[in-house]
């Protein structure tokens, strides 16, 4: 079993600004929110000690979240930082309020488009595309697919979206449909692997 967590909230989240590679820690609200999420998760587990490893992004907000989760679960599982899990780069958008993007980059978004991601292949100005992230996490996904123990990944919205797409082995056409998939901060994605196939459900 694999459990995908999104890191807790930050001040930039509250300000509706793009984060990407900006290395910021959790806000007080984010700490409280993530502790509550971790506690609920532990209470629902049949055996918390079955969790072997918590993999996390190197960014502070993800590392803090992973350490909070480790403490709530009892400290038996290790936290392992993986560079591949760093959030996708939003390039020139990072630190900018989302409401200002259309004014500052009028030619980037289609007028009726509401999602920050346009397609798998379109990169943010001076940043990454979802396809870049999909390729970046390939080796990590193979590694955790071959691990028979139960593990946790504490990542980010863009990275977790592509992790799920890889684990489900979606083809190119199906991946395009996942461009608009969103994992809220209170959502835990449980991925079940059986006989080479994966399915998932959202726990919240």
N, C-alpha and C. Protein backbone atom coordinates (compact mmCIF):
# COMPACT_ATOMS: atom_id res chain seq x y z
N UNK A 1 0.84 -1.19 0.00
CA UNK A 1 0.00 0.00 0.00
C UNK A 1 0.88 1.25 0.00
N UNK A 2 0.48 2.23 -0.75
CA UNK A 2 1.18 3.51 -0.78
C UNK A 2 0.18 4.61 -0.44
N UNK A 3 0.59 5.51 0.45
CA UNK A 3 -0.28 6.62 0.83
C UNK A 3 0.37 7.93 0.39
N UNK A 4 -0.35 8.70 -0.41
CA UNK A 4 0.15 9.99 -0.87
C UNK A 4 -0.46 11.11 -0.03
N UNK A 5 0.41 11.88 0.62
CA UNK A 5 0.00 13.06 1.37
C UNK A 5 0.50 14.30 0.63
N UNK A 6 -0.27 15.35 0.70
CA UNK A 6 0.21 16.66 0.28
C UNK A 6 0.67 17.40 1.53
N UNK A 7 1.76 18.13 1.44
CA UNK A 7 2.29 18.85 2.61
C UNK A 7 1.22 19.77 3.22
N UNK A 8 1.45 20.18 4.46
CA UNK A 8 0.54 21.11 5.11
C UNK A 8 0.62 22.50 4.51
N UNK A 9 -0.28 23.35 4.91
CA UNK A 9 -0.39 24.68 4.31
C UNK A 9 0.74 25.62 4.75
N UNK A 10 1.00 26.61 3.90
CA UNK A 10 2.02 27.62 4.17
C UNK A 10 1.40 29.01 4.07
N UNK A 11 2.18 30.02 4.41
CA UNK A 11 1.71 31.40 4.27
C UNK A 11 1.43 31.73 2.81
N UNK A 12 2.25 31.20 1.89
CA UNK A 12 2.03 31.46 0.47
C UNK A 12 0.72 30.84 -0.02
N UNK A 13 0.35 29.70 0.56
CA UNK A 13 -0.95 29.11 0.23
C UNK A 13 -2.07 30.06 0.63
N UNK A 14 -1.96 30.59 1.85
CA UNK A 14 -3.00 31.51 2.36
C UNK A 14 -3.09 32.77 1.50
N UNK A 15 -1.96 33.17 0.95
CA UNK A 15 -1.92 34.38 0.11
C UNK A 15 -2.25 34.08 -1.36
N UNK A 16 -2.53 32.81 -1.65
CA UNK A 16 -2.86 32.41 -3.02
C UNK A 16 -1.73 32.77 -3.99
N UNK A 17 -0.50 32.43 -3.58
CA UNK A 17 0.67 32.65 -4.43
C UNK A 17 1.24 31.32 -4.90
N UNK A 18 1.83 31.32 -6.08
CA UNK A 18 2.50 30.12 -6.58
C UNK A 18 3.74 29.84 -5.73
N UNK A 19 3.95 28.57 -5.38
CA UNK A 19 5.09 28.19 -4.55
C UNK A 19 6.18 27.51 -5.37
N UNK A 20 5.87 26.34 -5.94
CA UNK A 20 6.88 25.62 -6.71
C UNK A 20 8.12 25.35 -5.88
N UNK A 21 9.27 25.84 -6.36
CA UNK A 21 10.54 25.58 -5.69
C UNK A 21 10.85 26.52 -4.55
N UNK A 22 9.95 27.46 -4.23
CA UNK A 22 10.19 28.36 -3.09
C UNK A 22 10.25 27.52 -1.81
N UNK A 23 11.33 27.65 -1.06
CA UNK A 23 11.54 26.79 0.10
C UNK A 23 11.01 27.48 1.36
N UNK A 24 9.77 27.22 1.66
CA UNK A 24 9.09 27.85 2.79
C UNK A 24 8.54 26.77 3.72
N UNK A 25 8.53 27.06 5.02
CA UNK A 25 8.02 26.10 5.98
C UNK A 25 6.51 26.21 6.16
N UNK A 26 5.98 25.37 7.03
CA UNK A 26 4.54 25.38 7.30
C UNK A 26 4.16 26.60 8.13
N UNK A 27 2.96 27.08 7.90
CA UNK A 27 2.40 28.11 8.76
C UNK A 27 1.86 27.45 10.03
N UNK A 28 1.49 28.27 11.02
CA UNK A 28 0.89 27.70 12.24
C UNK A 28 -0.37 26.92 11.89
N UNK A 29 -1.15 27.46 10.97
CA UNK A 29 -2.35 26.75 10.53
C UNK A 29 -1.98 25.43 9.88
N UNK A 30 -0.92 25.45 9.08
CA UNK A 30 -0.48 24.23 8.40
C UNK A 30 -0.03 23.14 9.35
N UNK A 31 0.67 23.55 10.42
CA UNK A 31 1.11 22.58 11.43
C UNK A 31 -0.09 21.93 12.11
N UNK A 32 -1.05 22.76 12.52
CA UNK A 32 -2.25 22.23 13.19
C UNK A 32 -3.05 21.33 12.27
N UNK A 33 -3.21 21.79 11.03
CA UNK A 33 -3.98 21.03 10.04
C UNK A 33 -3.34 19.67 9.76
N UNK A 34 -2.01 19.67 9.61
CA UNK A 34 -1.35 18.41 9.25
C UNK A 34 -1.29 17.45 10.44
N UNK A 35 -1.10 17.98 11.64
CA UNK A 35 -1.12 17.12 12.83
C UNK A 35 -2.47 16.42 12.96
N UNK A 36 -3.55 17.16 12.73
CA UNK A 36 -4.90 16.58 12.82
C UNK A 36 -5.08 15.51 11.75
N UNK A 37 -4.59 15.79 10.55
CA UNK A 37 -4.70 14.82 9.46
C UNK A 37 -3.92 13.55 9.80
N UNK A 38 -2.72 13.72 10.32
CA UNK A 38 -1.88 12.57 10.68
C UNK A 38 -2.52 11.74 11.79
N UNK A 39 -3.12 12.42 12.76
CA UNK A 39 -3.78 11.72 13.87
C UNK A 39 -4.97 10.91 13.38
N UNK A 40 -5.77 11.49 12.51
CA UNK A 40 -6.91 10.77 11.93
C UNK A 40 -6.43 9.57 11.12
N UNK A 41 -5.35 9.77 10.37
CA UNK A 41 -4.79 8.69 9.55
C UNK A 41 -4.34 7.53 10.44
N UNK A 42 -3.64 7.84 11.53
CA UNK A 42 -3.17 6.79 12.43
C UNK A 42 -4.33 6.01 13.02
N UNK A 43 -5.39 6.72 13.40
CA UNK A 43 -6.54 6.05 14.03
C UNK A 43 -7.25 5.11 13.07
N UNK A 44 -7.11 5.35 11.77
CA UNK A 44 -7.76 4.50 10.77
C UNK A 44 -6.90 3.31 10.36
N UNK A 45 -5.61 3.34 10.69
CA UNK A 45 -4.73 2.24 10.31
C UNK A 45 -4.92 1.04 11.23
N UNK A 46 -4.95 -0.14 10.63
CA UNK A 46 -5.05 -1.37 11.44
C UNK A 46 -3.76 -1.55 12.23
N UNK A 47 -2.63 -1.30 11.56
CA UNK A 47 -1.33 -1.44 12.21
C UNK A 47 -0.39 -0.32 11.78
N UNK A 48 -0.31 0.77 12.56
CA UNK A 48 0.58 1.87 12.21
C UNK A 48 2.03 1.43 12.01
N UNK A 49 2.45 0.38 12.73
CA UNK A 49 3.84 -0.09 12.62
C UNK A 49 4.12 -0.77 11.28
N UNK A 50 3.07 -0.98 10.49
CA UNK A 50 3.28 -1.59 9.17
C UNK A 50 3.90 -0.60 8.19
N UNK A 51 3.85 0.68 8.52
CA UNK A 51 4.45 1.70 7.65
C UNK A 51 5.97 1.60 7.78
N UNK A 52 6.64 1.42 6.66
CA UNK A 52 8.09 1.24 6.67
C UNK A 52 8.84 2.57 6.53
N UNK A 53 8.50 3.33 5.48
CA UNK A 53 9.26 4.54 5.16
C UNK A 53 8.32 5.67 4.78
N UNK A 54 8.68 6.88 5.21
CA UNK A 54 8.01 8.09 4.74
C UNK A 54 8.97 8.80 3.79
N UNK A 55 8.66 8.77 2.52
CA UNK A 55 9.47 9.48 1.53
C UNK A 55 8.96 10.90 1.41
N UNK A 56 9.87 11.85 1.28
CA UNK A 56 9.40 13.22 1.16
C UNK A 56 10.29 14.05 0.27
N UNK A 57 9.71 15.14 -0.20
CA UNK A 57 10.42 16.15 -0.98
C UNK A 57 11.47 16.83 -0.10
N UNK A 58 12.53 17.38 -0.70
CA UNK A 58 13.53 18.09 0.09
C UNK A 58 13.08 19.48 0.55
N UNK A 59 11.95 19.97 0.04
CA UNK A 59 11.50 21.30 0.42
C UNK A 59 10.98 21.29 1.86
N UNK A 60 11.22 22.40 2.57
CA UNK A 60 10.94 22.46 4.01
C UNK A 60 9.52 22.11 4.38
N UNK A 61 8.55 22.58 3.59
CA UNK A 61 7.15 22.35 3.94
C UNK A 61 6.81 20.85 3.90
N UNK A 62 7.46 20.11 3.01
CA UNK A 62 7.24 18.66 2.93
C UNK A 62 8.02 17.94 4.02
N UNK A 63 9.25 18.37 4.29
CA UNK A 63 10.05 17.73 5.35
C UNK A 63 9.40 17.90 6.71
N UNK A 64 8.91 19.10 6.98
CA UNK A 64 8.22 19.33 8.26
C UNK A 64 6.99 18.44 8.39
N UNK A 65 6.25 18.34 7.31
CA UNK A 65 5.04 17.50 7.32
C UNK A 65 5.40 16.04 7.56
N UNK A 66 6.46 15.56 6.90
CA UNK A 66 6.90 14.17 7.07
C UNK A 66 7.33 13.91 8.50
N UNK A 67 8.03 14.86 9.11
CA UNK A 67 8.49 14.69 10.49
C UNK A 67 7.32 14.70 11.47
N UNK A 68 6.31 15.54 11.22
CA UNK A 68 5.10 15.53 12.05
C UNK A 68 4.40 14.17 11.95
N UNK A 69 4.32 13.66 10.74
CA UNK A 69 3.66 12.36 10.52
C UNK A 69 4.44 11.25 11.21
N UNK A 70 5.76 11.29 11.10
CA UNK A 70 6.61 10.29 11.76
C UNK A 70 6.38 10.30 13.27
N UNK A 71 6.31 11.49 13.86
CA UNK A 71 6.11 11.60 15.30
C UNK A 71 4.75 11.05 15.73
N UNK A 72 3.71 11.37 14.97
CA UNK A 72 2.36 10.91 15.30
C UNK A 72 2.27 9.39 15.19
N UNK A 73 2.95 8.82 14.19
CA UNK A 73 2.89 7.36 14.00
C UNK A 73 3.73 6.60 15.02
N UNK A 74 4.54 7.30 15.79
CA UNK A 74 5.28 6.64 16.86
C UNK A 74 6.77 6.61 16.67
N UNK A 75 7.26 7.16 15.58
CA UNK A 75 8.70 7.27 15.37
C UNK A 75 9.40 6.03 14.87
N UNK A 76 8.68 4.95 14.61
CA UNK A 76 9.33 3.71 14.18
C UNK A 76 9.75 3.73 12.71
N UNK A 77 9.02 4.51 11.89
CA UNK A 77 9.32 4.52 10.45
C UNK A 77 10.32 5.63 10.15
N UNK A 78 11.16 5.39 9.17
CA UNK A 78 12.19 6.38 8.83
C UNK A 78 11.66 7.39 7.82
N UNK A 79 12.25 8.59 7.84
CA UNK A 79 11.95 9.61 6.84
C UNK A 79 13.12 9.65 5.86
N UNK A 80 12.81 9.54 4.58
CA UNK A 80 13.84 9.55 3.55
C UNK A 80 13.55 10.66 2.55
N UNK A 81 14.48 11.59 2.43
CA UNK A 81 14.32 12.71 1.50
C UNK A 81 14.72 12.28 0.10
N UNK A 82 13.86 12.57 -0.87
CA UNK A 82 14.13 12.21 -2.26
C UNK A 82 14.03 13.46 -3.13
N UNK A 83 15.11 13.77 -3.81
CA UNK A 83 15.16 14.98 -4.64
C UNK A 83 14.12 14.94 -5.75
N UNK A 84 13.79 13.73 -6.25
CA UNK A 84 12.83 13.61 -7.35
C UNK A 84 11.44 14.12 -6.97
N UNK A 85 11.17 14.19 -5.67
CA UNK A 85 9.83 14.57 -5.20
C UNK A 85 9.66 16.07 -5.01
N UNK A 86 10.70 16.85 -5.33
CA UNK A 86 10.57 18.30 -5.24
C UNK A 86 9.43 18.78 -6.13
N UNK A 87 8.70 19.78 -5.68
CA UNK A 87 7.59 20.29 -6.47
C UNK A 87 8.07 20.78 -7.82
N UNK A 88 7.19 20.71 -8.82
CA UNK A 88 7.56 21.20 -10.14
C UNK A 88 7.88 22.69 -10.06
N UNK A 89 8.78 23.11 -10.92
CA UNK A 89 9.15 24.52 -10.96
C UNK A 89 8.10 25.31 -11.72
N UNK A 90 7.57 26.35 -11.07
CA UNK A 90 6.65 27.27 -11.73
C UNK A 90 7.39 28.46 -12.35
N UNK A 91 8.73 28.40 -12.32
CA UNK A 91 9.53 29.40 -13.00
C UNK A 91 9.20 30.82 -12.57
N UNK A 92 8.90 31.66 -13.55
CA UNK A 92 8.63 33.08 -13.29
C UNK A 92 7.38 33.31 -12.45
N UNK A 93 6.52 32.31 -12.35
CA UNK A 93 5.28 32.46 -11.58
C UNK A 93 5.51 32.39 -10.07
N UNK A 94 6.63 31.85 -9.63
CA UNK A 94 6.83 31.58 -8.21
C UNK A 94 6.84 32.86 -7.38
N UNK A 95 6.02 32.86 -6.33
CA UNK A 95 5.89 34.00 -5.45
C UNK A 95 4.84 35.00 -5.87
N UNK A 96 4.27 34.81 -7.07
CA UNK A 96 3.29 35.76 -7.60
C UNK A 96 1.88 35.32 -7.21
N UNK A 97 1.03 36.30 -6.88
CA UNK A 97 -0.37 35.99 -6.59
C UNK A 97 -1.04 35.43 -7.84
N UNK A 98 -1.82 34.37 -7.64
CA UNK A 98 -2.46 33.72 -8.78
C UNK A 98 -3.40 34.66 -9.52
N UNK A 99 -4.02 35.58 -8.79
CA UNK A 99 -4.96 36.50 -9.41
C UNK A 99 -4.27 37.51 -10.34
N UNK A 100 -2.96 37.64 -10.21
CA UNK A 100 -2.22 38.61 -11.02
C UNK A 100 -1.66 38.02 -12.31
N UNK A 101 -1.70 36.69 -12.43
CA UNK A 101 -1.02 36.03 -13.54
C UNK A 101 -1.59 36.47 -14.90
N UNK A 102 -2.89 36.54 -15.01
CA UNK A 102 -3.48 36.89 -16.32
C UNK A 102 -3.06 38.30 -16.76
N UNK A 103 -2.91 39.19 -15.80
CA UNK A 103 -2.49 40.54 -16.13
C UNK A 103 -1.01 40.59 -16.51
N UNK A 104 -0.20 39.83 -15.77
CA UNK A 104 1.25 39.86 -16.01
C UNK A 104 1.66 39.01 -17.21
N UNK A 105 0.90 37.92 -17.47
CA UNK A 105 1.22 37.01 -18.58
C UNK A 105 -0.04 36.80 -19.42
N UNK A 106 -0.50 37.84 -20.10
CA UNK A 106 -1.78 37.75 -20.83
C UNK A 106 -1.81 36.72 -21.95
N UNK A 107 -0.65 36.36 -22.47
CA UNK A 107 -0.61 35.42 -23.59
C UNK A 107 -0.41 33.97 -23.15
N UNK A 108 -0.29 33.75 -21.85
CA UNK A 108 0.03 32.38 -21.41
C UNK A 108 -1.21 31.49 -21.32
N UNK A 109 -2.28 31.98 -20.68
CA UNK A 109 -3.47 31.16 -20.47
C UNK A 109 -4.55 31.44 -21.51
N UNK A 110 -5.24 30.38 -21.97
CA UNK A 110 -6.48 30.61 -22.72
C UNK A 110 -7.45 31.39 -21.83
N UNK A 111 -8.27 32.25 -22.41
CA UNK A 111 -9.12 33.15 -21.62
C UNK A 111 -10.07 32.42 -20.68
N UNK A 112 -10.56 31.26 -21.08
CA UNK A 112 -11.56 30.57 -20.28
C UNK A 112 -10.94 29.49 -19.39
N UNK A 113 -9.60 29.44 -19.29
CA UNK A 113 -8.94 28.36 -18.57
C UNK A 113 -8.74 28.74 -17.11
N UNK A 114 -9.19 27.89 -16.18
CA UNK A 114 -9.12 28.20 -14.76
C UNK A 114 -8.03 27.43 -14.03
N UNK A 115 -7.62 26.28 -14.55
CA UNK A 115 -6.63 25.44 -13.89
C UNK A 115 -5.22 25.97 -14.15
N UNK A 116 -4.30 25.90 -13.16
CA UNK A 116 -2.95 26.41 -13.42
C UNK A 116 -2.18 25.61 -14.46
N UNK A 117 -2.58 24.37 -14.69
CA UNK A 117 -1.89 23.53 -15.67
C UNK A 117 -2.70 23.52 -16.97
N UNK A 118 -2.06 23.83 -18.08
CA UNK A 118 -2.77 23.87 -19.36
C UNK A 118 -2.79 22.50 -20.02
N UNK A 119 -1.63 21.82 -20.05
CA UNK A 119 -1.54 20.48 -20.60
C UNK A 119 -0.28 19.83 -20.06
N UNK A 120 -0.08 18.56 -20.37
CA UNK A 120 1.12 17.85 -19.92
C UNK A 120 2.38 18.51 -20.47
N UNK A 121 2.31 19.03 -21.67
CA UNK A 121 3.52 19.46 -22.36
C UNK A 121 3.85 20.95 -22.21
N UNK A 122 2.89 21.76 -21.79
CA UNK A 122 3.12 23.20 -21.69
C UNK A 122 3.86 23.52 -20.38
N UNK A 123 5.05 24.10 -20.49
CA UNK A 123 5.84 24.44 -19.31
C UNK A 123 5.50 25.85 -18.84
N UNK A 124 5.66 26.07 -17.54
CA UNK A 124 5.54 27.42 -17.01
C UNK A 124 6.74 28.23 -17.51
N UNK A 125 6.59 29.53 -17.68
CA UNK A 125 7.70 30.35 -18.18
C UNK A 125 8.97 30.16 -17.33
N UNK A 126 10.04 29.68 -17.96
CA UNK A 126 11.31 29.40 -17.29
C UNK A 126 11.17 28.31 -16.22
N UNK A 127 10.12 27.49 -16.34
CA UNK A 127 9.89 26.44 -15.37
C UNK A 127 9.70 25.09 -16.04
N UNK A 128 9.01 24.18 -15.34
CA UNK A 128 8.80 22.82 -15.83
C UNK A 128 7.39 22.63 -16.36
N UNK A 129 7.22 21.56 -17.10
CA UNK A 129 5.89 21.07 -17.49
C UNK A 129 5.58 19.84 -16.65
N UNK A 130 4.32 19.42 -16.66
CA UNK A 130 3.96 18.18 -15.97
C UNK A 130 4.68 16.99 -16.58
N UNK A 131 4.91 17.03 -17.88
CA UNK A 131 5.64 15.96 -18.55
C UNK A 131 7.07 15.86 -18.01
N UNK A 132 7.70 17.00 -17.71
CA UNK A 132 9.04 17.00 -17.11
C UNK A 132 9.02 16.28 -15.77
N UNK A 133 8.00 16.57 -14.97
CA UNK A 133 7.88 15.95 -13.66
C UNK A 133 7.61 14.45 -13.81
N UNK A 134 6.77 14.10 -14.76
CA UNK A 134 6.44 12.70 -15.02
C UNK A 134 7.70 11.89 -15.31
N UNK A 135 8.59 12.47 -16.10
CA UNK A 135 9.85 11.80 -16.42
C UNK A 135 10.79 11.78 -15.22
N UNK A 136 10.80 12.85 -14.46
CA UNK A 136 11.72 12.98 -13.33
C UNK A 136 11.48 11.91 -12.26
N UNK A 137 10.22 11.53 -12.05
CA UNK A 137 9.89 10.60 -10.96
C UNK A 137 9.85 9.14 -11.40
N UNK A 138 10.24 8.87 -12.64
CA UNK A 138 10.12 7.50 -13.19
C UNK A 138 10.86 6.48 -12.34
N UNK A 139 12.12 6.76 -12.02
CA UNK A 139 12.91 5.80 -11.25
C UNK A 139 12.36 5.58 -9.86
N UNK A 140 11.92 6.65 -9.22
CA UNK A 140 11.35 6.52 -7.88
C UNK A 140 10.10 5.66 -7.90
N UNK A 141 9.24 5.86 -8.89
CA UNK A 141 8.01 5.07 -8.98
C UNK A 141 8.30 3.59 -9.15
N UNK A 142 9.28 3.27 -9.98
CA UNK A 142 9.68 1.87 -10.18
C UNK A 142 10.14 1.27 -8.86
N UNK A 143 10.90 2.04 -8.10
CA UNK A 143 11.43 1.57 -6.82
C UNK A 143 10.32 1.26 -5.82
N UNK A 144 9.36 2.16 -5.67
CA UNK A 144 8.32 1.91 -4.66
C UNK A 144 7.31 0.86 -5.15
N UNK A 145 7.17 0.72 -6.46
CA UNK A 145 6.29 -0.33 -6.98
C UNK A 145 6.84 -1.71 -6.64
N UNK A 146 8.15 -1.83 -6.59
CA UNK A 146 8.79 -3.13 -6.32
C UNK A 146 8.89 -3.42 -4.83
N UNK A 147 8.61 -2.44 -4.00
CA UNK A 147 8.67 -2.59 -2.55
C UNK A 147 7.33 -3.14 -2.05
N UNK A 148 7.37 -4.28 -1.38
CA UNK A 148 6.12 -4.92 -0.95
C UNK A 148 5.59 -4.35 0.37
N UNK A 149 6.37 -3.52 1.04
CA UNK A 149 5.91 -2.95 2.31
C UNK A 149 5.00 -1.75 2.07
N UNK A 150 4.37 -1.28 3.12
CA UNK A 150 3.51 -0.10 3.03
C UNK A 150 4.35 1.15 3.30
N UNK A 151 4.21 2.14 2.42
CA UNK A 151 5.01 3.35 2.54
C UNK A 151 4.15 4.59 2.34
N UNK A 152 4.71 5.72 2.74
CA UNK A 152 4.04 7.01 2.60
C UNK A 152 4.90 7.93 1.76
N UNK A 153 4.26 8.73 0.93
CA UNK A 153 4.94 9.79 0.19
C UNK A 153 4.32 11.11 0.61
N UNK A 154 5.16 12.04 1.07
CA UNK A 154 4.69 13.39 1.38
C UNK A 154 5.25 14.30 0.30
N UNK A 155 4.38 14.74 -0.60
CA UNK A 155 4.83 15.51 -1.74
C UNK A 155 4.06 16.80 -1.93
N UNK A 156 3.82 17.12 -3.18
CA UNK A 156 3.21 18.39 -3.57
C UNK A 156 2.11 18.12 -4.59
N UNK A 157 1.30 19.14 -4.85
CA UNK A 157 0.18 18.97 -5.77
C UNK A 157 0.57 18.46 -7.14
N UNK A 158 1.55 19.09 -7.77
CA UNK A 158 1.96 18.68 -9.11
C UNK A 158 2.65 17.33 -9.14
N UNK A 159 3.55 17.11 -8.19
CA UNK A 159 4.30 15.85 -8.13
C UNK A 159 3.37 14.67 -7.83
N UNK A 160 2.48 14.83 -6.85
CA UNK A 160 1.58 13.74 -6.49
C UNK A 160 0.64 13.38 -7.63
N UNK A 161 0.22 14.39 -8.38
CA UNK A 161 -0.63 14.16 -9.56
C UNK A 161 0.06 13.22 -10.54
N UNK A 162 1.35 13.45 -10.78
CA UNK A 162 2.11 12.63 -11.73
C UNK A 162 2.50 11.27 -11.13
N UNK A 163 2.73 11.23 -9.82
CA UNK A 163 2.96 9.94 -9.17
C UNK A 163 1.76 9.02 -9.35
N UNK A 164 0.58 9.56 -9.14
CA UNK A 164 -0.63 8.76 -9.31
C UNK A 164 -0.79 8.31 -10.75
N UNK A 165 -0.54 9.21 -11.69
CA UNK A 165 -0.65 8.85 -13.10
C UNK A 165 0.32 7.72 -13.46
N UNK A 166 1.53 7.77 -12.92
CA UNK A 166 2.51 6.71 -13.20
C UNK A 166 2.10 5.39 -12.56
N UNK A 167 1.66 5.45 -11.30
CA UNK A 167 1.29 4.22 -10.61
C UNK A 167 0.11 3.53 -11.29
N UNK A 168 -0.81 4.33 -11.84
CA UNK A 168 -1.97 3.78 -12.54
C UNK A 168 -1.64 3.37 -13.97
N UNK A 169 -0.41 3.69 -14.40
CA UNK A 169 0.08 3.35 -15.75
C UNK A 169 -0.84 3.92 -16.84
N UNK A 170 -1.19 5.17 -16.68
CA UNK A 170 -2.07 5.83 -17.65
C UNK A 170 -1.33 6.10 -18.96
N UNK A 171 -2.03 5.92 -20.06
CA UNK A 171 -1.43 6.25 -21.35
C UNK A 171 -1.46 7.77 -21.54
N UNK A 172 -0.85 8.23 -22.64
CA UNK A 172 -0.70 9.67 -22.86
C UNK A 172 -2.04 10.39 -22.88
N UNK A 173 -3.04 9.79 -23.52
CA UNK A 173 -4.35 10.42 -23.61
C UNK A 173 -5.00 10.54 -22.23
N UNK A 174 -4.89 9.47 -21.45
CA UNK A 174 -5.49 9.48 -20.11
C UNK A 174 -4.75 10.46 -19.20
N UNK A 175 -3.44 10.59 -19.38
CA UNK A 175 -2.68 11.53 -18.54
C UNK A 175 -3.14 12.97 -18.77
N UNK A 176 -3.50 13.29 -19.99
CA UNK A 176 -3.98 14.64 -20.26
C UNK A 176 -5.23 14.96 -19.44
N UNK A 177 -6.07 13.94 -19.21
CA UNK A 177 -7.28 14.15 -18.41
C UNK A 177 -6.93 14.41 -16.94
N UNK A 178 -5.75 13.94 -16.51
CA UNK A 178 -5.33 14.13 -15.13
C UNK A 178 -4.73 15.50 -14.88
N UNK A 179 -4.59 16.31 -15.93
CA UNK A 179 -4.04 17.65 -15.77
C UNK A 179 -4.85 18.44 -14.75
N UNK A 180 -6.17 18.25 -14.74
CA UNK A 180 -7.04 19.01 -13.84
C UNK A 180 -7.29 18.31 -12.50
N UNK A 181 -6.67 17.14 -12.28
CA UNK A 181 -6.86 16.43 -11.01
C UNK A 181 -6.25 17.23 -9.87
N UNK A 182 -6.97 17.35 -8.77
CA UNK A 182 -6.49 18.13 -7.63
C UNK A 182 -6.57 17.31 -6.35
N UNK A 183 -5.50 17.31 -5.60
CA UNK A 183 -5.48 16.71 -4.27
C UNK A 183 -5.53 17.83 -3.24
N UNK A 184 -6.62 17.91 -2.50
CA UNK A 184 -6.74 18.93 -1.47
C UNK A 184 -5.82 18.60 -0.29
N UNK A 185 -5.60 19.58 0.56
CA UNK A 185 -4.67 19.38 1.67
C UNK A 185 -5.16 18.35 2.68
N UNK A 186 -6.45 18.14 2.76
CA UNK A 186 -6.97 17.16 3.71
C UNK A 186 -7.14 15.78 3.08
N UNK A 187 -6.79 15.65 1.81
CA UNK A 187 -6.95 14.37 1.11
C UNK A 187 -5.72 13.48 1.25
N UNK A 188 -5.94 12.22 1.52
CA UNK A 188 -4.90 11.19 1.47
C UNK A 188 -5.28 10.23 0.36
N UNK A 189 -4.36 10.00 -0.56
CA UNK A 189 -4.63 9.07 -1.66
C UNK A 189 -4.01 7.72 -1.33
N UNK A 190 -4.86 6.72 -1.22
CA UNK A 190 -4.42 5.35 -0.91
C UNK A 190 -4.31 4.57 -2.21
N UNK A 191 -3.13 4.09 -2.52
CA UNK A 191 -2.90 3.33 -3.75
C UNK A 191 -2.68 1.87 -3.38
N UNK A 192 -3.53 1.02 -3.93
CA UNK A 192 -3.46 -0.41 -3.66
C UNK A 192 -2.91 -1.13 -4.90
N UNK A 193 -1.87 -1.93 -4.70
CA UNK A 193 -1.25 -2.65 -5.82
C UNK A 193 -1.51 -4.14 -5.68
N UNK A 194 -2.05 -4.73 -6.71
CA UNK A 194 -2.30 -6.17 -6.72
C UNK A 194 -2.07 -6.72 -8.11
N UNK A 195 -1.24 -7.75 -8.19
CA UNK A 195 -0.98 -8.46 -9.45
C UNK A 195 -0.60 -7.49 -10.58
N UNK A 196 0.28 -6.56 -10.25
CA UNK A 196 0.80 -5.66 -11.27
C UNK A 196 -0.12 -4.52 -11.66
N UNK A 197 -1.27 -4.42 -11.02
CA UNK A 197 -2.22 -3.35 -11.32
C UNK A 197 -2.44 -2.51 -10.06
N UNK A 198 -2.76 -1.24 -10.27
CA UNK A 198 -2.98 -0.34 -9.14
C UNK A 198 -4.37 0.31 -9.23
N UNK A 199 -4.95 0.51 -8.08
CA UNK A 199 -6.21 1.26 -7.98
C UNK A 199 -6.04 2.24 -6.83
N UNK A 200 -6.91 3.23 -6.77
CA UNK A 200 -6.75 4.19 -5.69
C UNK A 200 -8.11 4.65 -5.16
N UNK A 201 -8.07 5.19 -3.96
CA UNK A 201 -9.25 5.87 -3.40
C UNK A 201 -8.74 7.05 -2.60
N UNK A 202 -9.56 8.06 -2.48
CA UNK A 202 -9.22 9.27 -1.74
C UNK A 202 -9.85 9.19 -0.36
N UNK A 203 -9.01 9.32 0.67
CA UNK A 203 -9.46 9.30 2.07
C UNK A 203 -9.46 10.74 2.56
N UNK A 204 -10.58 11.19 3.12
CA UNK A 204 -10.58 12.54 3.72
C UNK A 204 -11.62 12.61 4.84
